[in-house]
Amino acid sequence: KNEVDDKGEPLRGREPWRSSISLGSKLCSNEDIKRRCILAN
């Protein structure tokens, strides 16, 4: 909860793995839904 990134912003919920793609989908479902909406638009 107290872990921050290089900019000093909270890292919880924004871990780098959430943007990684496996079998065509991002590992984080929230990020994957956002990405799919952008592509569909």
Full PDB file with SEQRES, HELIX, SHEET, SSBOND, CRYST1, ORIGX, SCALE, CONECT and MASTER records, all heavy atoms in Angstrom:
SEQRES   1 A   41  LYS ASN GLU VAL ASP ASP LYS GLY GLU PRO LEU ARG GLY          
SEQRES   2 A   41  ARG GLU PRO TRP ARG SER SER ILE SER LEU GLY SER LYS          
SEQRES   3 A   41  LEU CYS SER ASN GLU ASP ILE LYS ARG ARG CYS ILE LEU          
SEQRES   4 A   41  ALA ASN                                                      
HELIX    1 AA1 PRO A   16  SER A   19  5                                   4    
HELIX    2 AA2 SER A   29  ALA A   40  1                                  12    
SHEET    1 AA1 2 ILE A  21  SER A  22  0                                        
SHEET    2 AA1 2 SER A  25  LYS A  26 -1                                        
CRYST1    1.000    1.000    1.000  90.00  90.00  90.00 P 1           1          
ORIGX1      1.000000  0.000000  0.000000        0.00000                         
ORIGX2      0.000000  1.000000  0.000000        0.00000                         
ORIGX3      0.000000  0.000000  1.000000        0.00000                         
SCALE1      1.000000  0.000000  0.000000        0.00000                         
SCALE2      0.000000  1.000000  0.000000        0.00000                         
SCALE3      0.000000  0.000000  1.000000        0.00000                         
ATOM      1  N   LYS A   1       0.815  -1.216   0.000  1.00  0.00           N  
ATOM      2  CA  LYS A   1       0.000   0.000   0.000  1.00  0.00           C  
ATOM      3  C   LYS A   1       0.846   1.262   0.000  1.00  0.00           C  
ATOM      4  O   LYS A   1       0.452   2.288  -0.558  1.00  0.00           O  
ATOM      5  CB  LYS A   1      -0.938  -0.008   1.202  1.00  0.00           C  
ATOM      6  CG  LYS A   1      -2.027  -1.078   1.134  1.00  0.00           C  
ATOM      7  CD  LYS A   1      -2.966  -0.981   2.317  1.00  0.00           C  
ATOM      8  CE  LYS A   1      -4.062  -2.038   2.204  1.00  0.00           C  
ATOM      9  NZ  LYS A   1      -4.995  -1.973   3.371  1.00  0.00           N  
ATOM     10  N   ASN A   2       2.004   1.218   0.652  1.00  0.00           N  
ATOM     11  CA  ASN A   2       2.864   2.397   0.722  1.00  0.00           C  
ATOM     12  C   ASN A   2       3.947   2.409  -0.354  1.00  0.00           C  
ATOM     13  O   ASN A   2       4.815   3.281  -0.362  1.00  0.00           O  
ATOM     14  CB  ASN A   2       3.507   2.487   2.101  1.00  0.00           C  
ATOM     15  CG  ASN A   2       4.332   1.253   2.431  1.00  0.00           C  
ATOM     16  OD1 ASN A   2       4.276   0.263   1.714  1.00  0.00           O  
ATOM     17  ND2 ASN A   2       5.099   1.324   3.509  1.00  0.00           N  
ATOM     18  N   GLU A   3       3.910   1.456  -1.279  1.00  0.00           N  
ATOM     19  CA  GLU A   3       4.914   1.379  -2.339  1.00  0.00           C  
ATOM     20  C   GLU A   3       4.605   2.397  -3.431  1.00  0.00           C  
ATOM     21  O   GLU A   3       3.447   2.567  -3.833  1.00  0.00           O  
ATOM     22  CB  GLU A   3       4.944  -0.026  -2.928  1.00  0.00           C  
ATOM     23  CG  GLU A   3       6.128  -0.276  -3.852  1.00  0.00           C  
ATOM     24  CD  GLU A   3       6.211  -1.725  -4.287  1.00  0.00           C  
ATOM     25  OE1 GLU A   3       5.490  -2.568  -3.703  1.00  0.00           O  
ATOM     26  OE2 GLU A   3       6.990  -2.028  -5.217  1.00  0.00           O  
ATOM     27  N   VAL A   4       5.646   3.109  -3.912  1.00  0.00           N  
ATOM     28  CA  VAL A   4       5.461   4.149  -4.927  1.00  0.00           C  
ATOM     29  C   VAL A   4       6.376   3.870  -6.107  1.00  0.00           C  
ATOM     30  O   VAL A   4       7.354   3.113  -6.001  1.00  0.00           O  
ATOM     31  CB  VAL A   4       5.759   5.554  -4.343  1.00  0.00           C  
ATOM     32  CG1 VAL A   4       4.773   5.902  -3.241  1.00  0.00           C  
ATOM     33  CG2 VAL A   4       7.194   5.627  -3.814  1.00  0.00           C  
ATOM     34  N   ASP A   5       6.067   4.504  -7.248  1.00  0.00           N  
ATOM     35  CA  ASP A   5       6.907   4.359  -8.438  1.00  0.00           C  
ATOM     36  C   ASP A   5       7.980   5.425  -8.457  1.00  0.00           C  
ATOM     37  O   ASP A   5       8.191   6.131  -7.469  1.00  0.00           O  
ATOM     38  CB  ASP A   5       6.041   4.420  -9.700  1.00  0.00           C  
ATOM     39  CG  ASP A   5       5.259   5.719  -9.812  1.00  0.00           C  
ATOM     40  OD1 ASP A   5       5.597   6.686  -9.077  1.00  0.00           O  
ATOM     41  OD2 ASP A   5       4.316   5.782 -10.621  1.00  0.00           O  
ATOM     42  N   ASP A   6       8.670   5.566  -9.611  1.00  0.00           N  
ATOM     43  CA  ASP A   6       9.767   6.528  -9.725  1.00  0.00           C  
ATOM     44  C   ASP A   6       9.299   7.966  -9.553  1.00  0.00           C  
ATOM     45  O   ASP A   6      10.085   8.849  -9.169  1.00  0.00           O  
ATOM     46  CB  ASP A   6      10.458   6.371 -11.085  1.00  0.00           C  
ATOM     47  CG  ASP A   6      11.113   5.002 -11.243  1.00  0.00           C  
ATOM     48  OD1 ASP A   6      11.401   4.386 -10.201  1.00  0.00           O  
ATOM     49  OD2 ASP A   6      11.303   4.564 -12.394  1.00  0.00           O  
ATOM     50  N   LYS A   7       8.019   8.221  -9.843  1.00  0.00           N  
ATOM     51  CA  LYS A   7       7.482   9.575  -9.715  1.00  0.00           C  
ATOM     52  C   LYS A   7       6.878   9.842  -8.342  1.00  0.00           C  
ATOM     53  O   LYS A   7       6.330  10.922  -8.105  1.00  0.00           O  
ATOM     54  CB  LYS A   7       6.432   9.821 -10.794  1.00  0.00           C  
ATOM     55  CG  LYS A   7       6.971   9.729 -12.214  1.00  0.00           C  
ATOM     56  CD  LYS A   7       5.876  10.002 -13.230  1.00  0.00           C  
ATOM     57  CE  LYS A   7       6.417   9.923 -14.654  1.00  0.00           C  
ATOM     58  NZ  LYS A   7       5.347  10.168 -15.667  1.00  0.00           N  
ATOM     59  N   GLY A   8       6.971   8.855  -7.460  1.00  0.00           N  
ATOM     60  CA  GLY A   8       6.434   9.027  -6.127  1.00  0.00           C  
ATOM     61  C   GLY A   8       4.943   8.780  -6.017  1.00  0.00           C  
ATOM     62  O   GLY A   8       4.341   9.047  -4.981  1.00  0.00           O  
ATOM     63  N   GLU A   9       4.329   8.256  -7.071  1.00  0.00           N  
ATOM     64  CA  GLU A   9       2.895   7.990  -7.049  1.00  0.00           C  
ATOM     65  C   GLU A   9       2.642   6.565  -6.574  1.00  0.00           C  
ATOM     66  O   GLU A   9       3.454   5.666  -6.802  1.00  0.00           O  
ATOM     67  CB  GLU A   9       2.303   8.188  -8.447  1.00  0.00           C  
ATOM     68  CG  GLU A   9       2.467   9.604  -8.978  1.00  0.00           C  
ATOM     69  CD  GLU A   9       1.920   9.763 -10.383  1.00  0.00           C  
ATOM     70  OE1 GLU A   9       1.500   8.731 -10.958  1.00  0.00           O  
ATOM     71  OE2 GLU A   9       1.914  10.884 -10.910  1.00  0.00           O  
ATOM     72  N   PRO A  10       1.514   6.328  -5.897  1.00  0.00           N  
ATOM     73  CA  PRO A  10       1.205   4.985  -5.394  1.00  0.00           C  
ATOM     74  C   PRO A  10       1.211   3.957  -6.522  1.00  0.00           C  
ATOM     75  O   PRO A  10       0.656   4.190  -7.598  1.00  0.00           O  
ATOM     76  CB  PRO A  10      -0.196   5.149  -4.782  1.00  0.00           C  
ATOM     77  CG  PRO A  10      -0.285   6.603  -4.458  1.00  0.00           C  
ATOM     78  CD  PRO A  10       0.488   7.316  -5.527  1.00  0.00           C  
ATOM     79  N   LEU A  11       1.832   2.810  -6.271  1.00  0.00           N  
ATOM     80  CA  LEU A  11       1.968   1.783  -7.299  1.00  0.00           C  
ATOM     81  C   LEU A  11       0.867   0.732  -7.208  1.00  0.00           C  
ATOM     82  O   LEU A  11       0.597   0.042  -8.183  1.00  0.00           O  
ATOM     83  CB  LEU A  11       3.336   1.108  -7.165  1.00  0.00           C  
ATOM     84  CG  LEU A  11       3.766   0.150  -8.267  1.00  0.00           C  
ATOM     85  CD1 LEU A  11       3.820   0.861  -9.617  1.00  0.00           C  
ATOM     86  CD2 LEU A  11       5.128  -0.464  -7.943  1.00  0.00           C  
ATOM     87  N   ARG A  12       0.209   0.646  -6.075  1.00  0.00           N  
ATOM     88  CA  ARG A  12      -0.830  -0.373  -5.881  1.00  0.00           C  
ATOM     89  C   ARG A  12      -1.951  -0.176  -6.902  1.00  0.00           C  
ATOM     90  O   ARG A  12      -2.515   0.905  -7.047  1.00  0.00           O  
ATOM     91  CB  ARG A  12      -1.412  -0.265  -4.461  1.00  0.00           C  
ATOM     92  CG  ARG A  12      -2.386  -1.381  -4.075  1.00  0.00           C  
ATOM     93  CD  ARG A  12      -1.641  -2.703  -3.955  1.00  0.00           C  
ATOM     94  NE  ARG A  12      -2.511  -3.769  -3.483  1.00  0.00           N  
ATOM     95  CZ  ARG A  12      -2.645  -4.138  -2.214  1.00  0.00           C  
ATOM     96  NH1 ARG A  12      -1.954  -3.488  -1.272  1.00  0.00           N  
ATOM     97  NH2 ARG A  12      -3.429  -5.122  -1.866  1.00  0.00           N  
ATOM     98  N   GLY A  13      -2.264  -1.202  -7.649  1.00  0.00           N  
ATOM     99  CA  GLY A  13      -3.282  -1.133  -8.688  1.00  0.00           C  
ATOM    100  C   GLY A  13      -2.749  -0.681 -10.033  1.00  0.00           C  
ATOM    101  O   GLY A  13      -3.493  -0.684 -11.025  1.00  0.00           O  
ATOM    102  N   ARG A  14      -1.457  -0.293 -10.109  1.00  0.00           N  
ATOM    103  CA  ARG A  14      -0.844   0.140 -11.375  1.00  0.00           C  
ATOM    104  C   ARG A  14       0.455  -0.613 -11.634  1.00  0.00           C  
ATOM    105  O   ARG A  14       1.355  -0.101 -12.285  1.00  0.00           O  
ATOM    106  CB  ARG A  14      -0.582   1.643 -11.352  1.00  0.00           C  
ATOM    107  CG  ARG A  14      -1.823   2.506 -11.163  1.00  0.00           C  
ATOM    108  CD  ARG A  14      -1.541   3.997 -11.338  1.00  0.00           C  
ATOM    109  NE  ARG A  14      -0.500   4.462 -10.429  1.00  0.00           N  
ATOM    110  CZ  ARG A  14       0.731   4.759 -10.795  1.00  0.00           C  
ATOM    111  NH1 ARG A  14       1.087   4.639 -12.059  1.00  0.00           N  
ATOM    112  NH2 ARG A  14       1.621   5.173  -9.908  1.00  0.00           N  
ATOM    113  N   GLU A  15       0.548  -1.823 -11.117  1.00  0.00           N  
ATOM    114  CA  GLU A  15       1.750  -2.622 -11.304  1.00  0.00           C  
ATOM    115  C   GLU A  15       2.005  -2.854 -12.800  1.00  0.00           C  
ATOM    116  O   GLU A  15       1.053  -2.979 -13.579  1.00  0.00           O  
ATOM    117  CB  GLU A  15       1.607  -3.972 -10.593  1.00  0.00           C  
ATOM    118  CG  GLU A  15       1.504  -3.879  -9.070  1.00  0.00           C  
ATOM    119  CD  GLU A  15       0.085  -3.683  -8.597  1.00  0.00           C  
ATOM    120  OE1 GLU A  15      -0.795  -3.446  -9.455  1.00  0.00           O  
ATOM    121  OE2 GLU A  15      -0.159  -3.762  -7.387  1.00  0.00           O  
ATOM    122  N   PRO A  16       3.281  -2.904 -13.208  1.00  0.00           N  
ATOM    123  CA  PRO A  16       3.607  -3.046 -14.640  1.00  0.00           C  
ATOM    124  C   PRO A  16       2.972  -4.264 -15.309  1.00  0.00           C  
ATOM    125  O   PRO A  16       2.652  -4.218 -16.502  1.00  0.00           O  
ATOM    126  CB  PRO A  16       5.139  -3.155 -14.630  1.00  0.00           C  
ATOM    127  CG  PRO A  16       5.563  -2.435 -13.385  1.00  0.00           C  
ATOM    128  CD  PRO A  16       4.496  -2.722 -12.386  1.00  0.00           C  
ATOM    129  N   TRP A  17       2.777  -5.362 -14.568  1.00  0.00           N  
ATOM    130  CA  TRP A  17       2.245  -6.578 -15.179  1.00  0.00           C  
ATOM    131  C   TRP A  17       0.840  -6.398 -15.724  1.00  0.00           C  
ATOM    132  O   TRP A  17       0.403  -7.152 -16.595  1.00  0.00           O  
ATOM    133  CB  TRP A  17       2.264  -7.743 -14.179  1.00  0.00           C  
ATOM    134  CG  TRP A  17       1.396  -7.560 -12.959  1.00  0.00           C  
ATOM    135  CD1 TRP A  17       1.791  -7.081 -11.751  1.00  0.00           C  
ATOM    136  CD2 TRP A  17      -0.003  -7.858 -12.832  1.00  0.00           C  
ATOM    137  NE1 TRP A  17       0.736  -7.064 -10.868  1.00  0.00           N  
ATOM    138  CE2 TRP A  17      -0.381  -7.531 -11.501  1.00  0.00           C  
ATOM    139  CE3 TRP A  17      -0.966  -8.357 -13.697  1.00  0.00           C  
ATOM    140  CZ2 TRP A  17      -1.676  -7.692 -11.030  1.00  0.00           C  
ATOM    141  CZ3 TRP A  17      -2.269  -8.522 -13.232  1.00  0.00           C  
ATOM    142  CH2 TRP A  17      -2.604  -8.192 -11.909  1.00  0.00           C  
ATOM    143  N   ARG A  18       0.115  -5.405 -15.224  1.00  0.00           N  
ATOM    144  CA  ARG A  18      -1.268  -5.217 -15.647  1.00  0.00           C  
ATOM    145  C   ARG A  18      -1.371  -4.841 -17.128  1.00  0.00           C  
ATOM    146  O   ARG A  18      -2.424  -5.010 -17.744  1.00  0.00           O  
ATOM    147  CB  ARG A  18      -1.951  -4.151 -14.783  1.00  0.00           C  
ATOM    148  CG  ARG A  18      -2.060  -4.548 -13.313  1.00  0.00           C  
ATOM    149  CD  ARG A  18      -2.729  -3.467 -12.478  1.00  0.00           C  
ATOM    150  NE  ARG A  18      -2.784  -3.852 -11.072  1.00  0.00           N  
ATOM    151  CZ  ARG A  18      -3.764  -4.583 -10.535  1.00  0.00           C  
ATOM    152  NH1 ARG A  18      -4.768  -4.980 -11.283  1.00  0.00           N  
ATOM    153  NH2 ARG A  18      -3.739  -4.892  -9.253  1.00  0.00           N  
ATOM    154  N   SER A  19      -0.292  -4.344 -17.720  1.00  0.00           N  
ATOM    155  CA  SER A  19      -0.304  -3.972 -19.139  1.00  0.00           C  
ATOM    156  C   SER A  19       0.268  -5.069 -20.031  1.00  0.00           C  
ATOM    157  O   SER A  19       0.276  -4.917 -21.249  1.00  0.00           O  
ATOM    158  CB  SER A  19       0.498  -2.678 -19.342  1.00  0.00           C  
ATOM    159  OG  SER A  19      -0.092  -1.595 -18.649  1.00  0.00           O  
ATOM    160  N   SER A  20       0.750  -6.160 -19.435  1.00  0.00           N  
ATOM    161  CA  SER A  20       1.295  -7.260 -20.222  1.00  0.00           C  
ATOM    162  C   SER A  20       0.161  -8.017 -20.905  1.00  0.00           C  
ATOM    163  O   SER A  20      -0.943  -8.109 -20.377  1.00  0.00           O  
ATOM    164  CB  SER A  20       2.091  -8.216 -19.325  1.00  0.00           C  
ATOM    165  OG  SER A  20       3.215  -7.559 -18.782  1.00  0.00           O  
ATOM    166  N   ILE A  21       0.446  -8.555 -22.078  1.00  0.00           N  
ATOM    167  CA  ILE A  21      -0.559  -9.245 -22.883  1.00  0.00           C  
ATOM    168  C   ILE A  21      -0.245 -10.733 -22.942  1.00  0.00           C  
ATOM    169  O   ILE A  21       0.892 -11.128 -23.197  1.00  0.00           O  
ATOM    170  CB  ILE A  21      -0.620  -8.661 -24.307  1.00  0.00           C  
ATOM    171  CG1 ILE A  21      -1.071  -7.195 -24.256  1.00  0.00           C  
ATOM    172  CG2 ILE A  21      -1.562  -9.465 -25.183  1.00  0.00           C  
ATOM    173  CD1 ILE A  21      -1.099  -6.527 -25.607  1.00  0.00           C  
ATOM    174  N   SER A  22      -1.249 -11.550 -22.707  1.00  0.00           N  
ATOM    175  CA  SER A  22      -1.130 -12.993 -22.815  1.00  0.00           C  
ATOM    176  C   SER A  22      -2.338 -13.527 -23.563  1.00  0.00           C  
ATOM    177  O   SER A  22      -3.481 -13.200 -23.223  1.00  0.00           O  
ATOM    178  CB  SER A  22      -1.039 -13.641 -21.429  1.00  0.00           C  
ATOM    179  OG  SER A  22      -0.993 -15.040 -21.531  1.00  0.00           O  
ATOM    180  N   LEU A  23      -2.100 -14.322 -24.600  1.00  0.00           N  
ATOM    181  CA  LEU A  23      -3.174 -14.850 -25.441  1.00  0.00           C  
ATOM    182  C   LEU A  23      -4.073 -13.742 -25.969  1.00  0.00           C  
ATOM    183  O   LEU A  23      -5.286 -13.895 -26.085  1.00  0.00           O  
ATOM    184  CB  LEU A  23      -4.013 -15.873 -24.661  1.00  0.00           C  
ATOM    185  CG  LEU A  23      -3.253 -17.081 -24.098  1.00  0.00           C  
ATOM    186  CD1 LEU A  23      -4.220 -18.085 -23.512  1.00  0.00           C  
ATOM    187  CD2 LEU A  23      -2.385 -17.731 -25.149  1.00  0.00           C  
ATOM    188  N   GLY A  24      -3.476 -12.612 -26.274  1.00  0.00           N  
ATOM    189  CA  GLY A  24      -4.228 -11.526 -26.892  1.00  0.00           C  
ATOM    190  C   GLY A  24      -4.957 -10.615 -25.936  1.00  0.00           C  
ATOM    191  O   GLY A  24      -5.614  -9.669 -26.368  1.00  0.00           O  
ATOM    192  N   SER A  25      -4.881 -10.870 -24.625  1.00  0.00           N  
ATOM    193  CA  SER A  25      -5.589 -10.045 -23.653  1.00  0.00           C  
ATOM    194  C   SER A  25      -4.618  -9.551 -22.593  1.00  0.00           C  
ATOM    195  O   SER A  25      -3.672 -10.248 -22.227  1.00  0.00           O  
ATOM    196  CB  SER A  25      -6.713 -10.841 -22.970  1.00  0.00           C  
ATOM    197  OG  SER A  25      -7.657 -11.295 -23.917  1.00  0.00           O  
ATOM    198  N   LYS A  26      -4.867  -8.346 -22.088  1.00  0.00           N  
ATOM    199  CA  LYS A  26      -4.058  -7.845 -20.985  1.00  0.00           C  
ATOM    200  C   LYS A  26      -4.370  -8.643 -19.729  1.00  0.00           C  
ATOM    201  O   LYS A  26      -5.499  -9.065 -19.507  1.00  0.00           O  
ATOM    202  CB  LYS A  26      -4.323  -6.355 -20.758  1.00  0.00           C  
ATOM    203  CG  LYS A  26      -3.707  -5.457 -21.820  1.00  0.00           C  
ATOM    204  CD  LYS A  26      -3.722  -3.997 -21.400  1.00  0.00           C  
ATOM    205  CE  LYS A  26      -2.985  -3.123 -22.415  1.00  0.00           C  
ATOM    206  NZ  LYS A  26      -2.933  -1.710 -21.990  1.00  0.00           N  
ATOM    207  N   LEU A  27      -3.359  -8.832 -18.890  1.00  0.00           N  
ATOM    208  CA  LEU A  27      -3.528  -9.636 -17.695  1.00  0.00           C  
ATOM    209  C   LEU A  27      -4.496  -8.998 -16.703  1.00  0.00           C  
ATOM    210  O   LEU A  27      -5.153  -9.703 -15.946  1.00  0.00           O  
ATOM    211  CB  LEU A  27      -2.169  -9.865 -17.025  1.00  0.00           C  
ATOM    212  CG  LEU A  27      -1.173 -10.704 -17.830  1.00  0.00           C  
ATOM    213  CD1 LEU A  27       0.130 -10.853 -17.067  1.00  0.00           C  
ATOM    214  CD2 LEU A  27      -1.748 -12.069 -18.144  1.00  0.00           C  
ATOM    215  N   CYS A  28      -4.592  -7.691 -16.716  1.00  0.00           N  
ATOM    216  CA  CYS A  28      -5.547  -6.986 -15.866  1.00  0.00           C  
ATOM    217  C   CYS A  28      -6.840  -6.801 -16.655  1.00  0.00           C  
ATOM    218  O   CYS A  28      -6.842  -6.179 -17.715  1.00  0.00           O  
ATOM    219  CB  CYS A  28      -4.997  -5.635 -15.425  1.00  0.00           C  
ATOM    220  SG  CYS A  28      -6.160  -4.641 -14.462  1.00  0.00           S  
ATOM    221  N   SER A  29      -7.939  -7.337 -16.141  1.00  0.00           N  
ATOM    222  CA  SER A  29      -9.196  -7.284 -16.886  1.00  0.00           C  
ATOM    223  C   SER A  29      -9.669  -5.844 -17.087  1.00  0.00           C  
ATOM    224  O   SER A  29     -10.220  -5.516 -18.138  1.00  0.00           O  
ATOM    225  CB  SER A  29     -10.271  -8.104 -16.164  1.00  0.00           C  
ATOM    226  OG  SER A  29     -10.445  -7.652 -14.838  1.00  0.00           O  
ATOM    227  N   ASN A  30      -9.466  -4.970 -16.094  1.00  0.00           N  
ATOM    228  CA  ASN A  30      -9.878  -3.575 -16.247  1.00  0.00           C  
ATOM    229  C   ASN A  30      -9.123  -2.894 -17.383  1.00  0.00           C  
ATOM    230  O   ASN A  30      -9.707  -2.186 -18.219  1.00  0.00           O  
ATOM    231  CB  ASN A  30      -9.657  -2.804 -14.938  1.00  0.00           C  
ATOM    232  CG  ASN A  30     -10.598  -3.234 -13.840  1.00  0.00           C  
ATOM    233  OD1 ASN A  30     -11.677  -3.758 -14.104  1.00  0.00           O  
ATOM    234  ND2 ASN A  30     -10.204  -3.030 -12.601  1.00  0.00           N  
ATOM    235  N   GLU A  31      -7.803  -3.116 -17.431  1.00  0.00           N  
ATOM    236  CA  GLU A  31      -6.995  -2.529 -18.494  1.00  0.00           C  
ATOM    237  C   GLU A  31      -7.359  -3.136 -19.848  1.00  0.00           C  
ATOM    238  O   GLU A  31      -7.366  -2.441 -20.870  1.00  0.00           O  
ATOM    239  CB  GLU A  31      -5.504  -2.754 -18.202  1.00  0.00           C  
ATOM    240  CG  GLU A  31      -4.973  -2.012 -16.991  1.00  0.00           C  
ATOM    241  CD  GLU A  31      -5.068  -0.505 -17.157  1.00  0.00           C  
ATOM    242  OE1 GLU A  31      -4.848  -0.034 -18.292  1.00  0.00           O  
ATOM    243  OE2 GLU A  31      -5.339   0.191 -16.172  1.00  0.00           O  
ATOM    244  N   ASP A  32      -7.680  -4.408 -19.852  1.00  0.00           N  
ATOM    245  CA  ASP A  32      -8.024  -5.069 -21.105  1.00  0.00           C  
ATOM    246  C   ASP A  32      -9.339  -4.535 -21.662  1.00  0.00           C  
ATOM    247  O   ASP A  32      -9.472  -4.331 -22.873  1.00  0.00           O  
ATOM    248  CB  ASP A  32      -8.134  -6.574 -20.878  1.00  0.00           C  
ATOM    249  CG  ASP A  32      -8.280  -7.345 -22.184  1.00  0.00           C  
ATOM    250  OD1 ASP A  32      -7.395  -7.199 -23.056  1.00  0.00           O  
ATOM    251  OD2 ASP A  32      -9.278  -8.060 -22.351  1.00  0.00           O  
ATOM    252  N   ILE A  33     -10.313  -4.288 -20.794  1.00  0.00           N  
ATOM    253  CA  ILE A  33     -11.594  -3.739 -21.240  1.00  0.00           C  
ATOM    254  C   ILE A  33     -11.397  -2.346 -21.835  1.00  0.00           C  
ATOM    255  O   ILE A  33     -11.969  -2.013 -22.889  1.00  0.00           O  
ATOM    256  CB  ILE A  33     -12.599  -3.705 -20.077  1.00  0.00           C  
ATOM    257  CG1 ILE A  33     -13.002  -5.131 -19.690  1.00  0.00           C  
ATOM    258  CG2 ILE A  33     -13.835  -2.898 -20.446  1.00  0.00           C  
ATOM    259  CD1 ILE A  33     -13.850  -5.217 -18.448  1.00  0.00           C  
ATOM    260  N   LYS A  34     -10.581  -1.512 -21.188  1.00  0.00           N  
ATOM    261  CA  LYS A  34     -10.311  -0.166 -21.705  1.00  0.00           C  
ATOM    262  C   LYS A  34      -9.673  -0.250 -23.090  1.00  0.00           C  
ATOM    263  O   LYS A  34     -10.047   0.480 -24.010  1.00  0.00           O  
ATOM    264  CB  LYS A  34      -9.383   0.587 -20.750  1.00  0.00           C  
ATOM    265  CG  LYS A  34     -10.002   0.915 -19.398  1.00  0.00           C  
ATOM    266  CD  LYS A  34      -8.988   1.616 -18.511  1.00  0.00           C  
ATOM    267  CE  LYS A  34      -9.560   1.894 -17.133  1.00  0.00           C  
ATOM    268  NZ  LYS A  34      -8.546   2.524 -16.234  1.00  0.00           N  
ATOM    269  N   ARG A  35      -8.709  -1.145 -23.222  1.00  0.00           N  
ATOM    270  CA  ARG A  35      -8.005  -1.286 -24.498  1.00  0.00           C  
ATOM    271  C   ARG A  35      -8.943  -1.758 -25.599  1.00  0.00           C  
ATOM    272  O   ARG A  35      -8.909  -1.252 -26.725  1.00  0.00           O  
ATOM    273  CB  ARG A  35      -6.860  -2.276 -24.316  1.00  0.00           C  
ATOM    274  CG  ARG A  35      -6.185  -2.734 -25.579  1.00  0.00           C  
ATOM    275  CD  ARG A  35      -4.979  -3.585 -25.242  1.00  0.00           C  
ATOM    276  NE  ARG A  35      -4.608  -4.407 -26.383  1.00  0.00           N  
ATOM    277  CZ  ARG A  35      -5.092  -5.605 -26.625  1.00  0.00           C  
ATOM    278  NH1 ARG A  35      -5.988  -6.126 -25.807  1.00  0.00           N  
ATOM    279  NH2 ARG A  35      -4.711  -6.302 -27.673  1.00  0.00           N  
ATOM    280  N   ARG A  36      -9.798  -2.718 -25.285  1.00  0.00           N  
ATOM    281  CA  ARG A  36     -10.731  -3.233 -26.283  1.00  0.00           C  
ATOM    282  C   ARG A  36     -11.724  -2.152 -26.713  1.00  0.00           C  
ATOM    283  O   ARG A  36     -12.101  -2.067 -27.880  1.00  0.00           O  
ATOM    284  CB  ARG A  36     -11.482  -4.447 -25.725  1.00  0.00           C  
ATOM    285  CG  ARG A  36     -10.607  -5.674 -25.562  1.00  0.00           C  
ATOM    286  CD  ARG A  36     -11.361  -6.772 -24.821  1.00  0.00           C  
ATOM    287  NE  ARG A  36     -10.494  -7.907 -24.534  1.00  0.00           N  
ATOM    288  CZ  ARG A  36     -10.403  -8.983 -25.295  1.00  0.00           C  
ATOM    289  NH1 ARG A  36     -11.120  -9.058 -26.406  1.00  0.00           N  
ATOM    290  NH2 ARG A  36      -9.604  -9.976 -24.974  1.00  0.00           N  
ATOM    291  N   CYS A  37     -12.157  -1.327 -25.758  1.00  0.00           N  
ATOM    292  CA  CYS A  37     -13.085  -0.249 -26.103  1.00  0.00           C  
ATOM    293  C   CYS A  37     -12.438   0.748 -27.052  1.00  0.00           C  
ATOM    294  O   CYS A  37     -13.074   1.237 -27.997  1.00  0.00           O  
ATOM    295  CB  CYS A  37     -13.560   0.458 -24.829  1.00  0.00           C  
ATOM    296  SG  CYS A  37     -14.693  -0.516 -23.806  1.00  0.00           S  
ATOM    297  N   ILE A  38     -11.157   1.057 -26.819  1.00  0.00           N  
ATOM    298  CA  ILE A  38     -10.438   1.989 -27.688  1.00  0.00           C  
ATOM    299  C   ILE A  38     -10.309   1.401 -29.089  1.00  0.00           C  
ATOM    300  O   ILE A  38     -10.565   2.091 -30.094  1.00  0.00           O  
ATOM    301  CB  ILE A  38      -9.048   2.299 -27.097  1.00  0.00           C  
ATOM    302  CG1 ILE A  38      -9.197   3.097 -25.802  1.00  0.00           C  
ATOM    303  CG2 ILE A  38      -8.199   3.075 -28.104  1.00  0.00           C  
ATOM    304  CD1 ILE A  38      -7.877   3.327 -25.078  1.00  0.00           C  
ATOM    305  N   LEU A  39      -9.933   0.111 -29.182  1.00  0.00           N  
ATOM    306  CA  LEU A  39      -9.784  -0.528 -30.485  1.00  0.00           C  
ATOM    307  C   LEU A  39     -11.117  -0.600 -31.225  1.00  0.00           C  
ATOM    308  O   LEU A  39     -11.182  -0.381 -32.440  1.00  0.00           O  
ATOM    309  CB  LEU A  39      -9.214  -1.941 -30.312  1.00  0.00           C  
ATOM    310  CG  LEU A  39      -7.772  -2.039 -29.817  1.00  0.00           C  
ATOM    311  CD1 LEU A  39      -7.383  -3.486 -29.586  1.00  0.00           C  
ATOM    312  CD2 LEU A  39      -6.812  -1.378 -30.803  1.00  0.00           C  
ATOM    313  N   ALA A  40     -12.183  -0.890 -30.488  1.00  0.00           N  
ATOM    314  CA  ALA A  40     -13.508  -0.973 -31.118  1.00  0.00           C  
ATOM    315  C   ALA A  40     -13.954   0.402 -31.609  1.00  0.00           C  
ATOM    316  O   ALA A  40     -14.575   0.524 -32.671  1.00  0.00           O  
ATOM    317  CB  ALA A  40     -14.524  -1.530 -30.127  1.00  0.00           C  
ATOM    318  N   ASN A  41     -13.638   1.457 -30.850  1.00  0.00           N  
ATOM    319  CA  ASN A  41     -14.000   2.808 -31.277  1.00  0.00           C  
ATOM    320  C   ASN A  41     -13.248   3.203 -32.549  1.00  0.00           C  
ATOM    321  O   ASN A  41     -13.817   3.832 -33.453  1.00  0.00           O  
ATOM    322  CB  ASN A  41     -13.700   3.805 -30.157  1.00  0.00           C  
ATOM    323  CG  ASN A  41     -14.117   5.221 -30.508  1.00  0.00           C  
ATOM    324  OD1 ASN A  41     -15.276   5.496 -30.777  1.00  0.00           O  
ATOM    325  ND2 ASN A  41     -13.153   6.126 -30.514  1.00  0.00           N  
TER     326      ASN A  41                                                      
MASTER        0    0    0    2    2    0    0    6  325    1    0    4          
END                                                                             
